[in-house]
């Protein structure tokens, strides 16, 4: 179960077998059932979470009860609320499982131990955060400047098999469009 994590952490920095053992000792494995929450609004984020198997969605609920999906998480992805994790403040997000999901969690205290014992992990997580910031900025820009069909096309490129794993209304929510608009876009693109 840790193999995928080690591969992920090795993307930006090479790891020795000793470093891999240290990493594995600091992560906790957990299984979640479909529809089970990893994180709920109002809770403080206690873990950074790596998805080994399954699909999650990160979303907010507005004052009208409307869900706004910010991110889908798939195998080999990290999910969580970094702001809540780093500041020990309640999150405004929910993260739930769209399939039975297996994850590896690391607490803030264990992450600090990881940085101390394997200093190159700070570089890995810095690069990861930089990439997340770039992706977030690109997504914001696209939502402001691109048409719904263009946003859908980019979404399909980013998540090629997602349509088989996620409900249409959730994809529409992620794109900021109605399910009817998504249906029209799909029929026009065939």
N, C-alpha and C. Protein backbone atom coordinates (compact mmCIF):
# COMPACT_ATOMS: atom_id res chain seq x y z
N UNK A 1 0.81 -1.20 0.00
CA UNK A 1 0.00 0.00 0.00
C UNK A 1 0.85 1.27 0.00
N UNK A 2 2.07 1.20 0.50
CA UNK A 2 2.94 2.37 0.55
C UNK A 2 3.72 2.58 -0.75
N UNK A 3 3.68 1.59 -1.67
CA UNK A 3 4.48 1.69 -2.89
C UNK A 3 4.12 2.93 -3.69
N UNK A 4 2.82 3.18 -3.85
CA UNK A 4 2.37 4.34 -4.63
C UNK A 4 2.83 5.64 -3.96
N UNK A 5 2.78 5.69 -2.64
CA UNK A 5 3.25 6.87 -1.90
C UNK A 5 4.73 7.10 -2.16
N UNK A 6 5.53 6.06 -2.07
CA UNK A 6 6.97 6.19 -2.27
C UNK A 6 7.26 6.64 -3.70
N UNK A 7 6.53 6.10 -4.67
CA UNK A 7 6.69 6.55 -6.06
C UNK A 7 6.35 8.03 -6.18
N UNK A 8 5.27 8.46 -5.52
CA UNK A 8 4.85 9.85 -5.56
C UNK A 8 5.92 10.75 -4.96
N UNK A 9 6.43 10.36 -3.79
CA UNK A 9 7.42 11.17 -3.10
C UNK A 9 8.76 11.17 -3.82
N UNK A 10 8.99 10.19 -4.68
CA UNK A 10 10.24 10.10 -5.44
C UNK A 10 10.21 10.90 -6.74
N UNK A 11 9.07 11.51 -7.05
CA UNK A 11 8.96 12.26 -8.31
C UNK A 11 9.93 13.43 -8.36
N UNK A 12 10.11 14.08 -7.25
CA UNK A 12 10.94 15.29 -7.23
C UNK A 12 12.28 15.10 -6.53
N UNK A 13 12.39 14.05 -5.70
CA UNK A 13 13.63 13.78 -4.97
C UNK A 13 13.86 12.28 -4.90
N UNK A 14 15.09 11.82 -5.16
CA UNK A 14 15.36 10.38 -5.04
C UNK A 14 15.38 9.97 -3.56
N UNK A 15 14.89 8.76 -3.30
CA UNK A 15 14.84 8.27 -1.92
C UNK A 15 15.64 6.99 -1.78
N UNK A 16 16.36 6.89 -0.67
CA UNK A 16 17.06 5.65 -0.35
C UNK A 16 16.07 4.69 0.30
N UNK A 17 16.45 3.43 0.43
CA UNK A 17 15.55 2.46 1.07
C UNK A 17 15.34 2.82 2.55
N UNK A 18 16.35 3.36 3.22
CA UNK A 18 16.19 3.79 4.61
C UNK A 18 15.20 4.94 4.70
N UNK A 19 15.31 5.91 3.80
CA UNK A 19 14.37 7.04 3.80
C UNK A 19 12.95 6.55 3.53
N UNK A 20 12.81 5.61 2.62
CA UNK A 20 11.48 5.04 2.33
C UNK A 20 10.90 4.37 3.57
N UNK A 21 11.72 3.66 4.32
CA UNK A 21 11.26 3.02 5.56
C UNK A 21 10.80 4.07 6.57
N UNK A 22 11.54 5.14 6.71
CA UNK A 22 11.16 6.21 7.64
C UNK A 22 9.81 6.79 7.22
N UNK A 23 9.66 7.07 5.94
CA UNK A 23 8.40 7.62 5.42
C UNK A 23 7.25 6.68 5.74
N UNK A 24 7.42 5.41 5.42
CA UNK A 24 6.35 4.43 5.64
C UNK A 24 5.94 4.36 7.11
N UNK A 25 6.90 4.53 8.01
CA UNK A 25 6.60 4.43 9.44
C UNK A 25 5.78 5.62 9.95
N UNK A 26 5.77 6.73 9.21
CA UNK A 26 5.09 7.94 9.68
C UNK A 26 3.69 8.13 9.10
N UNK A 27 3.32 7.32 8.12
CA UNK A 27 1.99 7.41 7.52
C UNK A 27 1.09 6.31 8.06
N UNK A 28 -0.17 6.63 8.26
CA UNK A 28 -1.17 5.70 8.77
C UNK A 28 -2.15 5.36 7.66
N UNK A 29 -2.42 4.07 7.47
CA UNK A 29 -3.35 3.60 6.45
C UNK A 29 -4.77 3.63 7.00
N UNK A 30 -5.72 4.05 6.16
CA UNK A 30 -7.12 4.05 6.57
C UNK A 30 -8.00 3.79 5.36
N UNK A 31 -9.09 3.05 5.59
CA UNK A 31 -10.09 2.79 4.55
C UNK A 31 -11.34 3.60 4.87
N UNK A 32 -11.94 4.15 3.82
CA UNK A 32 -13.21 4.86 3.94
C UNK A 32 -14.20 4.22 2.98
N UNK A 33 -15.46 4.17 3.39
CA UNK A 33 -16.51 3.66 2.52
C UNK A 33 -17.04 4.79 1.63
N UNK A 34 -17.65 4.40 0.54
CA UNK A 34 -18.30 5.37 -0.34
C UNK A 34 -19.25 6.22 0.49
N UNK A 35 -19.24 7.52 0.27
CA UNK A 35 -20.07 8.53 0.96
C UNK A 35 -19.56 8.89 2.36
N UNK A 36 -18.50 8.26 2.81
CA UNK A 36 -17.94 8.58 4.12
C UNK A 36 -17.06 9.82 4.00
N UNK A 37 -17.08 10.64 5.04
CA UNK A 37 -16.28 11.87 5.05
C UNK A 37 -14.86 11.60 5.54
N UNK A 38 -13.90 12.22 4.84
CA UNK A 38 -12.53 12.28 5.32
C UNK A 38 -12.38 13.55 6.16
N UNK A 39 -13.10 14.59 5.76
CA UNK A 39 -13.05 15.89 6.44
C UNK A 39 -14.41 16.55 6.30
N UNK A 40 -14.89 17.19 7.38
CA UNK A 40 -16.16 17.90 7.33
C UNK A 40 -15.98 19.35 7.74
N UNK A 41 -16.79 20.19 7.13
CA UNK A 41 -16.80 21.62 7.44
C UNK A 41 -16.90 21.80 8.95
N UNK A 42 -16.08 22.70 9.49
CA UNK A 42 -16.08 22.98 10.92
C UNK A 42 -15.03 22.21 11.70
N UNK A 43 -14.53 21.12 11.12
CA UNK A 43 -13.46 20.35 11.76
C UNK A 43 -12.11 21.00 11.44
N UNK A 44 -11.14 20.74 12.27
CA UNK A 44 -9.78 21.17 11.99
C UNK A 44 -9.09 20.03 11.24
N UNK A 45 -8.40 20.35 10.16
CA UNK A 45 -7.70 19.34 9.37
C UNK A 45 -6.51 18.82 10.17
N UNK A 46 -6.54 17.54 10.50
CA UNK A 46 -5.48 16.95 11.32
C UNK A 46 -4.45 16.17 10.50
N UNK A 47 -4.77 15.93 9.21
CA UNK A 47 -3.89 15.09 8.38
C UNK A 47 -3.74 15.70 6.99
N UNK A 48 -2.60 15.45 6.38
CA UNK A 48 -2.47 15.55 4.94
C UNK A 48 -2.76 14.14 4.45
N UNK A 49 -3.50 14.01 3.38
CA UNK A 49 -4.03 12.72 2.95
C UNK A 49 -3.60 12.40 1.53
N UNK A 50 -3.04 11.20 1.36
CA UNK A 50 -2.61 10.70 0.06
C UNK A 50 -3.56 9.58 -0.34
N UNK A 51 -4.12 9.66 -1.54
CA UNK A 51 -5.08 8.65 -1.99
C UNK A 51 -4.34 7.49 -2.65
N UNK A 52 -4.54 6.31 -2.09
CA UNK A 52 -3.96 5.08 -2.64
C UNK A 52 -4.91 4.47 -3.65
N UNK A 53 -6.22 4.49 -3.32
CA UNK A 53 -7.24 3.89 -4.19
C UNK A 53 -8.54 4.62 -3.93
N UNK A 54 -9.26 4.93 -5.00
CA UNK A 54 -10.57 5.55 -4.85
C UNK A 54 -10.64 6.96 -5.41
N UNK A 55 -11.78 7.60 -5.17
CA UNK A 55 -12.04 8.96 -5.66
C UNK A 55 -12.69 9.76 -4.54
N UNK A 56 -12.22 11.00 -4.37
CA UNK A 56 -12.82 11.91 -3.39
C UNK A 56 -13.25 13.19 -4.10
N UNK A 57 -14.05 13.96 -3.40
CA UNK A 57 -14.35 15.30 -3.88
C UNK A 57 -14.22 16.25 -2.71
N UNK A 58 -13.69 17.43 -3.00
CA UNK A 58 -13.56 18.49 -2.02
C UNK A 58 -14.55 19.57 -2.43
N UNK A 59 -15.43 19.96 -1.50
CA UNK A 59 -16.46 20.93 -1.86
C UNK A 59 -16.85 21.82 -0.69
N UNK A 60 -17.49 22.93 -1.03
CA UNK A 60 -18.08 23.84 -0.07
C UNK A 60 -19.58 23.85 -0.29
N UNK A 61 -20.32 24.20 0.74
CA UNK A 61 -21.76 24.37 0.62
C UNK A 61 -22.07 25.82 0.92
N UNK A 62 -22.77 26.50 -0.01
CA UNK A 62 -23.07 27.92 0.20
C UNK A 62 -24.31 28.10 1.09
N UNK A 63 -24.68 29.35 1.34
CA UNK A 63 -25.80 29.67 2.22
C UNK A 63 -27.13 29.11 1.72
N UNK A 64 -27.22 28.84 0.43
CA UNK A 64 -28.45 28.31 -0.17
C UNK A 64 -28.45 26.78 -0.19
N UNK A 65 -27.39 26.17 0.34
CA UNK A 65 -27.30 24.72 0.34
C UNK A 65 -26.73 24.14 -0.94
N UNK A 66 -26.24 24.98 -1.82
CA UNK A 66 -25.68 24.53 -3.10
C UNK A 66 -24.23 24.08 -2.90
N UNK A 67 -23.90 22.91 -3.42
CA UNK A 67 -22.53 22.42 -3.35
C UNK A 67 -21.69 22.99 -4.48
N UNK A 68 -20.44 23.35 -4.15
CA UNK A 68 -19.49 23.84 -5.15
C UNK A 68 -18.23 23.00 -5.03
N UNK A 69 -18.02 22.13 -6.02
CA UNK A 69 -16.88 21.21 -5.98
C UNK A 69 -15.62 21.94 -6.44
N UNK A 70 -14.61 21.88 -5.58
CA UNK A 70 -13.34 22.54 -5.86
C UNK A 70 -12.32 21.60 -6.49
N UNK A 71 -12.41 20.32 -6.11
CA UNK A 71 -11.39 19.38 -6.57
C UNK A 71 -11.92 17.97 -6.47
N UNK A 72 -11.50 17.14 -7.41
CA UNK A 72 -11.64 15.70 -7.30
C UNK A 72 -10.27 15.16 -6.95
N UNK A 73 -10.22 14.12 -6.16
CA UNK A 73 -8.96 13.47 -5.83
C UNK A 73 -9.00 12.04 -6.29
N UNK A 74 -7.97 11.64 -7.00
CA UNK A 74 -7.86 10.29 -7.52
C UNK A 74 -6.61 9.63 -6.97
N UNK A 75 -6.40 8.38 -7.34
CA UNK A 75 -5.19 7.68 -6.95
C UNK A 75 -3.96 8.52 -7.27
N UNK A 76 -3.01 8.52 -6.33
CA UNK A 76 -1.73 9.23 -6.49
C UNK A 76 -1.90 10.75 -6.35
N UNK A 77 -2.98 11.20 -5.68
CA UNK A 77 -3.22 12.62 -5.43
C UNK A 77 -3.22 12.87 -3.94
N UNK A 78 -2.94 14.11 -3.58
CA UNK A 78 -3.03 14.58 -2.20
C UNK A 78 -4.30 15.40 -2.05
N UNK A 79 -5.00 15.23 -0.93
CA UNK A 79 -6.19 16.03 -0.64
C UNK A 79 -6.13 16.53 0.80
N UNK A 80 -6.84 17.61 1.03
CA UNK A 80 -6.91 18.18 2.37
C UNK A 80 -7.13 19.67 2.28
N UNK A 81 -7.15 20.31 3.42
CA UNK A 81 -7.24 21.78 3.49
C UNK A 81 -5.95 22.25 4.14
N UNK A 82 -5.02 22.68 3.33
CA UNK A 82 -3.70 23.07 3.82
C UNK A 82 -3.79 24.23 4.81
N UNK A 83 -4.67 25.19 4.55
CA UNK A 83 -4.81 26.33 5.46
C UNK A 83 -5.22 25.86 6.85
N UNK A 84 -6.25 25.02 6.92
CA UNK A 84 -6.71 24.50 8.20
C UNK A 84 -5.63 23.66 8.87
N UNK A 85 -4.95 22.85 8.08
CA UNK A 85 -3.88 21.97 8.57
C UNK A 85 -2.76 22.78 9.22
N UNK A 86 -2.35 23.85 8.55
CA UNK A 86 -1.21 24.63 9.03
C UNK A 86 -1.56 25.61 10.16
N UNK A 87 -2.81 26.07 10.19
CA UNK A 87 -3.20 27.10 11.17
C UNK A 87 -4.04 26.57 12.33
N UNK A 88 -4.38 25.29 12.28
CA UNK A 88 -5.25 24.69 13.31
C UNK A 88 -6.58 25.43 13.45
N UNK A 89 -7.13 25.87 12.33
CA UNK A 89 -8.43 26.53 12.32
C UNK A 89 -9.45 25.64 11.61
N UNK A 90 -10.74 25.80 11.92
CA UNK A 90 -11.76 24.97 11.27
C UNK A 90 -11.80 25.18 9.75
N UNK A 91 -12.03 24.11 9.06
CA UNK A 91 -12.11 24.14 7.60
C UNK A 91 -13.50 24.57 7.15
N UNK A 92 -13.57 25.12 5.97
CA UNK A 92 -14.87 25.42 5.35
C UNK A 92 -15.22 24.36 4.31
N UNK A 93 -14.35 23.37 4.15
CA UNK A 93 -14.52 22.35 3.12
C UNK A 93 -15.04 21.03 3.69
N UNK A 94 -15.59 20.25 2.79
CA UNK A 94 -15.94 18.86 3.05
C UNK A 94 -15.15 18.03 2.04
N UNK A 95 -14.66 16.90 2.50
CA UNK A 95 -14.05 15.93 1.58
C UNK A 95 -14.73 14.60 1.86
N UNK A 96 -15.41 14.09 0.84
CA UNK A 96 -16.04 12.79 1.00
C UNK A 96 -15.62 11.86 -0.13
N UNK A 97 -15.93 10.60 0.05
CA UNK A 97 -15.49 9.56 -0.87
C UNK A 97 -16.60 9.23 -1.86
N UNK A 98 -16.28 9.25 -3.13
CA UNK A 98 -17.23 8.90 -4.18
C UNK A 98 -17.17 7.42 -4.51
N UNK A 99 -16.16 6.75 -4.01
CA UNK A 99 -15.99 5.30 -4.11
C UNK A 99 -15.40 4.84 -2.78
N UNK A 100 -15.40 3.54 -2.54
CA UNK A 100 -14.62 3.04 -1.41
C UNK A 100 -13.19 3.50 -1.66
N UNK A 101 -12.57 4.05 -0.62
CA UNK A 101 -11.29 4.74 -0.80
C UNK A 101 -10.29 4.30 0.26
N UNK A 102 -9.05 4.15 -0.15
CA UNK A 102 -7.95 3.83 0.76
C UNK A 102 -6.95 4.98 0.71
N UNK A 103 -6.53 5.42 1.90
CA UNK A 103 -5.63 6.57 1.98
C UNK A 103 -4.50 6.29 2.95
N UNK A 104 -3.50 7.16 2.86
CA UNK A 104 -2.44 7.22 3.85
C UNK A 104 -2.46 8.62 4.42
N UNK A 105 -2.54 8.72 5.76
CA UNK A 105 -2.57 10.00 6.46
C UNK A 105 -1.23 10.27 7.13
N UNK A 106 -0.89 11.57 7.21
CA UNK A 106 0.24 11.98 8.05
C UNK A 106 -0.19 13.20 8.85
N UNK A 107 0.10 13.17 10.14
CA UNK A 107 -0.24 14.30 11.02
C UNK A 107 0.81 15.40 10.85
N UNK A 108 0.48 16.59 11.36
CA UNK A 108 1.43 17.70 11.31
C UNK A 108 2.69 17.37 12.10
N UNK A 109 2.52 16.76 13.27
CA UNK A 109 3.69 16.40 14.10
C UNK A 109 4.57 15.39 13.36
N UNK A 110 3.96 14.39 12.72
CA UNK A 110 4.75 13.41 11.98
C UNK A 110 5.37 14.00 10.72
N UNK A 111 4.70 14.97 10.12
CA UNK A 111 5.28 15.65 8.97
C UNK A 111 6.54 16.42 9.38
N UNK A 112 6.50 17.04 10.54
CA UNK A 112 7.69 17.73 11.05
C UNK A 112 8.83 16.74 11.32
N UNK A 113 8.49 15.57 11.86
CA UNK A 113 9.50 14.52 12.07
C UNK A 113 10.07 14.08 10.72
N UNK A 114 9.19 13.94 9.73
CA UNK A 114 9.63 13.56 8.40
C UNK A 114 10.62 14.59 7.83
N UNK A 115 10.29 15.86 7.98
CA UNK A 115 11.20 16.92 7.49
C UNK A 115 12.56 16.85 8.20
N UNK A 116 12.52 16.52 9.48
CA UNK A 116 13.77 16.44 10.26
C UNK A 116 14.60 15.22 9.85
N UNK A 117 13.93 14.07 9.71
CA UNK A 117 14.66 12.83 9.42
C UNK A 117 15.01 12.67 7.94
N UNK A 118 14.18 13.24 7.08
CA UNK A 118 14.42 13.16 5.63
C UNK A 118 14.27 14.58 5.08
N UNK A 119 15.29 15.42 5.26
CA UNK A 119 15.19 16.84 4.89
C UNK A 119 14.75 17.11 3.45
N UNK A 120 15.08 16.22 2.54
CA UNK A 120 14.69 16.45 1.14
C UNK A 120 13.18 16.42 0.95
N UNK A 121 12.43 15.92 1.94
CA UNK A 121 10.98 15.93 1.83
C UNK A 121 10.41 17.35 1.87
N UNK A 122 11.13 18.26 2.52
CA UNK A 122 10.70 19.66 2.49
C UNK A 122 10.70 20.16 1.06
N UNK A 123 11.70 19.80 0.30
CA UNK A 123 11.76 20.20 -1.11
C UNK A 123 10.59 19.59 -1.88
N UNK A 124 10.32 18.32 -1.65
CA UNK A 124 9.21 17.66 -2.34
C UNK A 124 7.90 18.41 -2.07
N UNK A 125 7.61 18.66 -0.80
CA UNK A 125 6.34 19.30 -0.46
C UNK A 125 6.29 20.75 -0.92
N UNK A 126 7.43 21.43 -0.97
CA UNK A 126 7.46 22.79 -1.52
C UNK A 126 7.08 22.75 -2.99
N UNK A 127 7.63 21.83 -3.74
CA UNK A 127 7.31 21.70 -5.16
C UNK A 127 5.83 21.33 -5.32
N UNK A 128 5.35 20.43 -4.48
CA UNK A 128 3.94 20.03 -4.53
C UNK A 128 3.02 21.23 -4.30
N UNK A 129 3.34 22.05 -3.32
CA UNK A 129 2.53 23.23 -3.02
C UNK A 129 2.63 24.25 -4.15
N UNK A 130 3.81 24.42 -4.72
CA UNK A 130 3.95 25.33 -5.86
C UNK A 130 3.07 24.87 -7.03
N UNK A 131 3.11 23.57 -7.31
CA UNK A 131 2.30 23.03 -8.40
C UNK A 131 0.81 23.19 -8.12
N UNK A 132 0.41 22.98 -6.87
CA UNK A 132 -1.00 23.16 -6.49
C UNK A 132 -1.42 24.62 -6.67
N UNK A 133 -0.55 25.55 -6.29
CA UNK A 133 -0.85 26.96 -6.45
C UNK A 133 -1.01 27.31 -7.94
N UNK A 134 -0.13 26.81 -8.76
CA UNK A 134 -0.20 27.07 -10.20
C UNK A 134 -1.50 26.50 -10.77
N UNK A 135 -1.84 25.27 -10.39
CA UNK A 135 -3.07 24.64 -10.88
C UNK A 135 -4.30 25.44 -10.43
N UNK A 136 -4.28 25.91 -9.18
CA UNK A 136 -5.40 26.69 -8.66
C UNK A 136 -5.54 28.01 -9.42
N UNK A 137 -4.44 28.66 -9.68
CA UNK A 137 -4.46 29.93 -10.41
C UNK A 137 -4.96 29.72 -11.84
N UNK A 138 -4.50 28.65 -12.48
CA UNK A 138 -4.97 28.34 -13.84
C UNK A 138 -6.47 28.05 -13.85
N UNK A 139 -6.93 27.31 -12.85
CA UNK A 139 -8.36 26.99 -12.78
C UNK A 139 -9.19 28.25 -12.60
N UNK A 140 -8.75 29.14 -11.71
CA UNK A 140 -9.45 30.40 -11.49
C UNK A 140 -9.48 31.22 -12.78
N UNK A 141 -8.36 31.33 -13.45
CA UNK A 141 -8.29 32.07 -14.71
C UNK A 141 -9.22 31.47 -15.75
N UNK A 142 -9.22 30.14 -15.86
CA UNK A 142 -10.09 29.48 -16.83
C UNK A 142 -11.56 29.72 -16.53
N UNK A 143 -11.92 29.71 -15.25
CA UNK A 143 -13.33 29.92 -14.90
C UNK A 143 -13.77 31.34 -15.22
N UNK A 144 -12.84 32.28 -15.23
CA UNK A 144 -13.17 33.66 -15.53
C UNK A 144 -13.13 33.98 -17.03
N UNK A 145 -12.29 33.27 -17.77
CA UNK A 145 -12.05 33.67 -19.16
C UNK A 145 -12.45 32.65 -20.22
N UNK A 146 -12.72 31.42 -19.84
CA UNK A 146 -13.02 30.39 -20.83
C UNK A 146 -14.50 30.04 -20.82
N UNK A 147 -14.96 29.62 -21.97
CA UNK A 147 -16.36 29.20 -22.09
C UNK A 147 -16.55 27.86 -21.40
N UNK A 148 -17.79 27.51 -21.16
CA UNK A 148 -18.09 26.22 -20.52
C UNK A 148 -17.56 25.05 -21.35
N UNK A 149 -17.74 25.04 -22.70
CA UNK A 149 -17.17 23.93 -23.48
C UNK A 149 -15.64 23.84 -23.36
N UNK A 150 -14.96 24.98 -23.30
CA UNK A 150 -13.51 24.95 -23.14
C UNK A 150 -13.11 24.41 -21.77
N UNK A 151 -13.84 24.80 -20.73
CA UNK A 151 -13.56 24.29 -19.38
C UNK A 151 -13.80 22.79 -19.32
N UNK A 152 -14.85 22.31 -19.98
CA UNK A 152 -15.14 20.88 -20.01
C UNK A 152 -14.01 20.12 -20.72
N UNK A 153 -13.55 20.66 -21.83
CA UNK A 153 -12.46 20.01 -22.58
C UNK A 153 -11.19 19.91 -21.73
N UNK A 154 -10.86 20.98 -21.01
CA UNK A 154 -9.69 20.95 -20.12
C UNK A 154 -9.88 19.94 -18.99
N UNK A 155 -11.09 19.88 -18.47
CA UNK A 155 -11.40 18.94 -17.39
C UNK A 155 -11.17 17.50 -17.86
N UNK A 156 -11.65 17.17 -19.04
CA UNK A 156 -11.51 15.81 -19.57
C UNK A 156 -10.03 15.48 -19.80
N UNK A 157 -9.24 16.47 -20.19
CA UNK A 157 -7.80 16.23 -20.36
C UNK A 157 -7.14 15.97 -19.01
N UNK A 158 -7.57 16.71 -17.99
CA UNK A 158 -6.96 16.56 -16.67
C UNK A 158 -7.39 15.26 -15.99
N UNK A 159 -8.65 14.89 -16.16
CA UNK A 159 -9.22 13.70 -15.53
C UNK A 159 -9.79 12.77 -16.61
N UNK A 160 -8.96 12.08 -17.39
CA UNK A 160 -9.45 11.33 -18.55
C UNK A 160 -10.50 10.25 -18.28
N UNK A 161 -10.43 9.54 -17.16
CA UNK A 161 -11.41 8.48 -16.89
C UNK A 161 -12.47 8.89 -15.88
N UNK A 162 -12.56 10.16 -15.57
CA UNK A 162 -13.43 10.59 -14.47
C UNK A 162 -14.91 10.39 -14.79
N UNK A 163 -15.29 10.51 -16.04
CA UNK A 163 -16.71 10.40 -16.38
C UNK A 163 -17.31 9.05 -15.99
N UNK A 164 -16.50 8.02 -15.96
CA UNK A 164 -16.99 6.69 -15.57
C UNK A 164 -17.08 6.54 -14.05
N UNK A 165 -16.47 7.47 -13.32
CA UNK A 165 -16.36 7.31 -11.86
C UNK A 165 -17.12 8.35 -11.06
N UNK A 166 -17.53 9.44 -11.70
CA UNK A 166 -18.15 10.56 -10.99
C UNK A 166 -19.48 10.91 -11.65
N UNK A 167 -20.48 11.23 -10.83
CA UNK A 167 -21.81 11.59 -11.34
C UNK A 167 -21.76 12.88 -12.15
N UNK A 168 -22.62 12.96 -13.16
CA UNK A 168 -22.65 14.12 -14.05
C UNK A 168 -22.91 15.43 -13.30
N UNK A 169 -23.81 15.41 -12.32
CA UNK A 169 -24.11 16.66 -11.61
C UNK A 169 -22.90 17.15 -10.82
N UNK A 170 -22.02 16.23 -10.41
CA UNK A 170 -20.80 16.62 -9.71
C UNK A 170 -19.78 17.23 -10.67
N UNK A 171 -19.69 16.68 -11.86
CA UNK A 171 -18.82 17.27 -12.88
C UNK A 171 -19.32 18.67 -13.21
N UNK A 172 -20.62 18.82 -13.38
CA UNK A 172 -21.21 20.14 -13.68
C UNK A 172 -20.89 21.12 -12.55
N UNK A 173 -21.00 20.68 -11.30
CA UNK A 173 -20.69 21.55 -10.17
C UNK A 173 -19.23 21.99 -10.20
N UNK A 174 -18.34 21.07 -10.50
CA UNK A 174 -16.92 21.41 -10.60
C UNK A 174 -16.68 22.47 -11.68
N UNK A 175 -17.40 22.33 -12.79
CA UNK A 175 -17.22 23.26 -13.91
C UNK A 175 -17.98 24.57 -13.72
N UNK A 176 -18.86 24.62 -12.72
CA UNK A 176 -19.64 25.83 -12.49
C UNK A 176 -20.77 26.01 -13.49
N UNK A 177 -21.33 24.89 -13.95
CA UNK A 177 -22.44 24.93 -14.92
C UNK A 177 -23.55 24.01 -14.43
N UNK A 178 -24.70 24.08 -15.09
CA UNK A 178 -25.80 23.20 -14.73
C UNK A 178 -25.63 21.84 -15.39
N UNK A 179 -26.24 20.80 -14.83
CA UNK A 179 -26.18 19.48 -15.48
C UNK A 179 -26.74 19.52 -16.91
N UNK A 180 -27.74 20.37 -17.14
CA UNK A 180 -28.33 20.48 -18.48
C UNK A 180 -27.31 21.07 -19.47
N UNK A 181 -26.56 22.06 -19.03
CA UNK A 181 -25.52 22.64 -19.88
C UNK A 181 -24.45 21.60 -20.19
N UNK A 182 -24.07 20.83 -19.19
CA UNK A 182 -23.07 19.77 -19.40
C UNK A 182 -23.58 18.76 -20.44
N UNK A 183 -24.84 18.38 -20.33
CA UNK A 183 -25.43 17.43 -21.28
C UNK A 183 -25.39 18.00 -22.69
N UNK A 184 -25.72 19.28 -22.83
CA UNK A 184 -25.71 19.94 -24.15
C UNK A 184 -24.28 19.98 -24.71
N UNK A 185 -23.31 20.32 -23.87
CA UNK A 185 -21.91 20.38 -24.31
C UNK A 185 -21.45 19.01 -24.80
N UNK A 186 -21.81 17.97 -24.06
CA UNK A 186 -21.40 16.62 -24.45
C UNK A 186 -22.02 16.22 -25.79
N UNK A 187 -23.30 16.52 -25.96
CA UNK A 187 -23.97 16.12 -27.21
C UNK A 187 -23.42 16.90 -28.41
N UNK A 188 -23.02 18.15 -28.19
CA UNK A 188 -22.46 18.95 -29.28
C UNK A 188 -21.03 18.54 -29.62
N UNK A 189 -20.33 17.92 -28.68
CA UNK A 189 -18.93 17.56 -28.94
C UNK A 189 -18.79 16.19 -29.58
N UNK A 190 -19.88 15.48 -29.74
CA UNK A 190 -19.82 14.13 -30.35
C UNK A 190 -19.81 14.19 -31.84
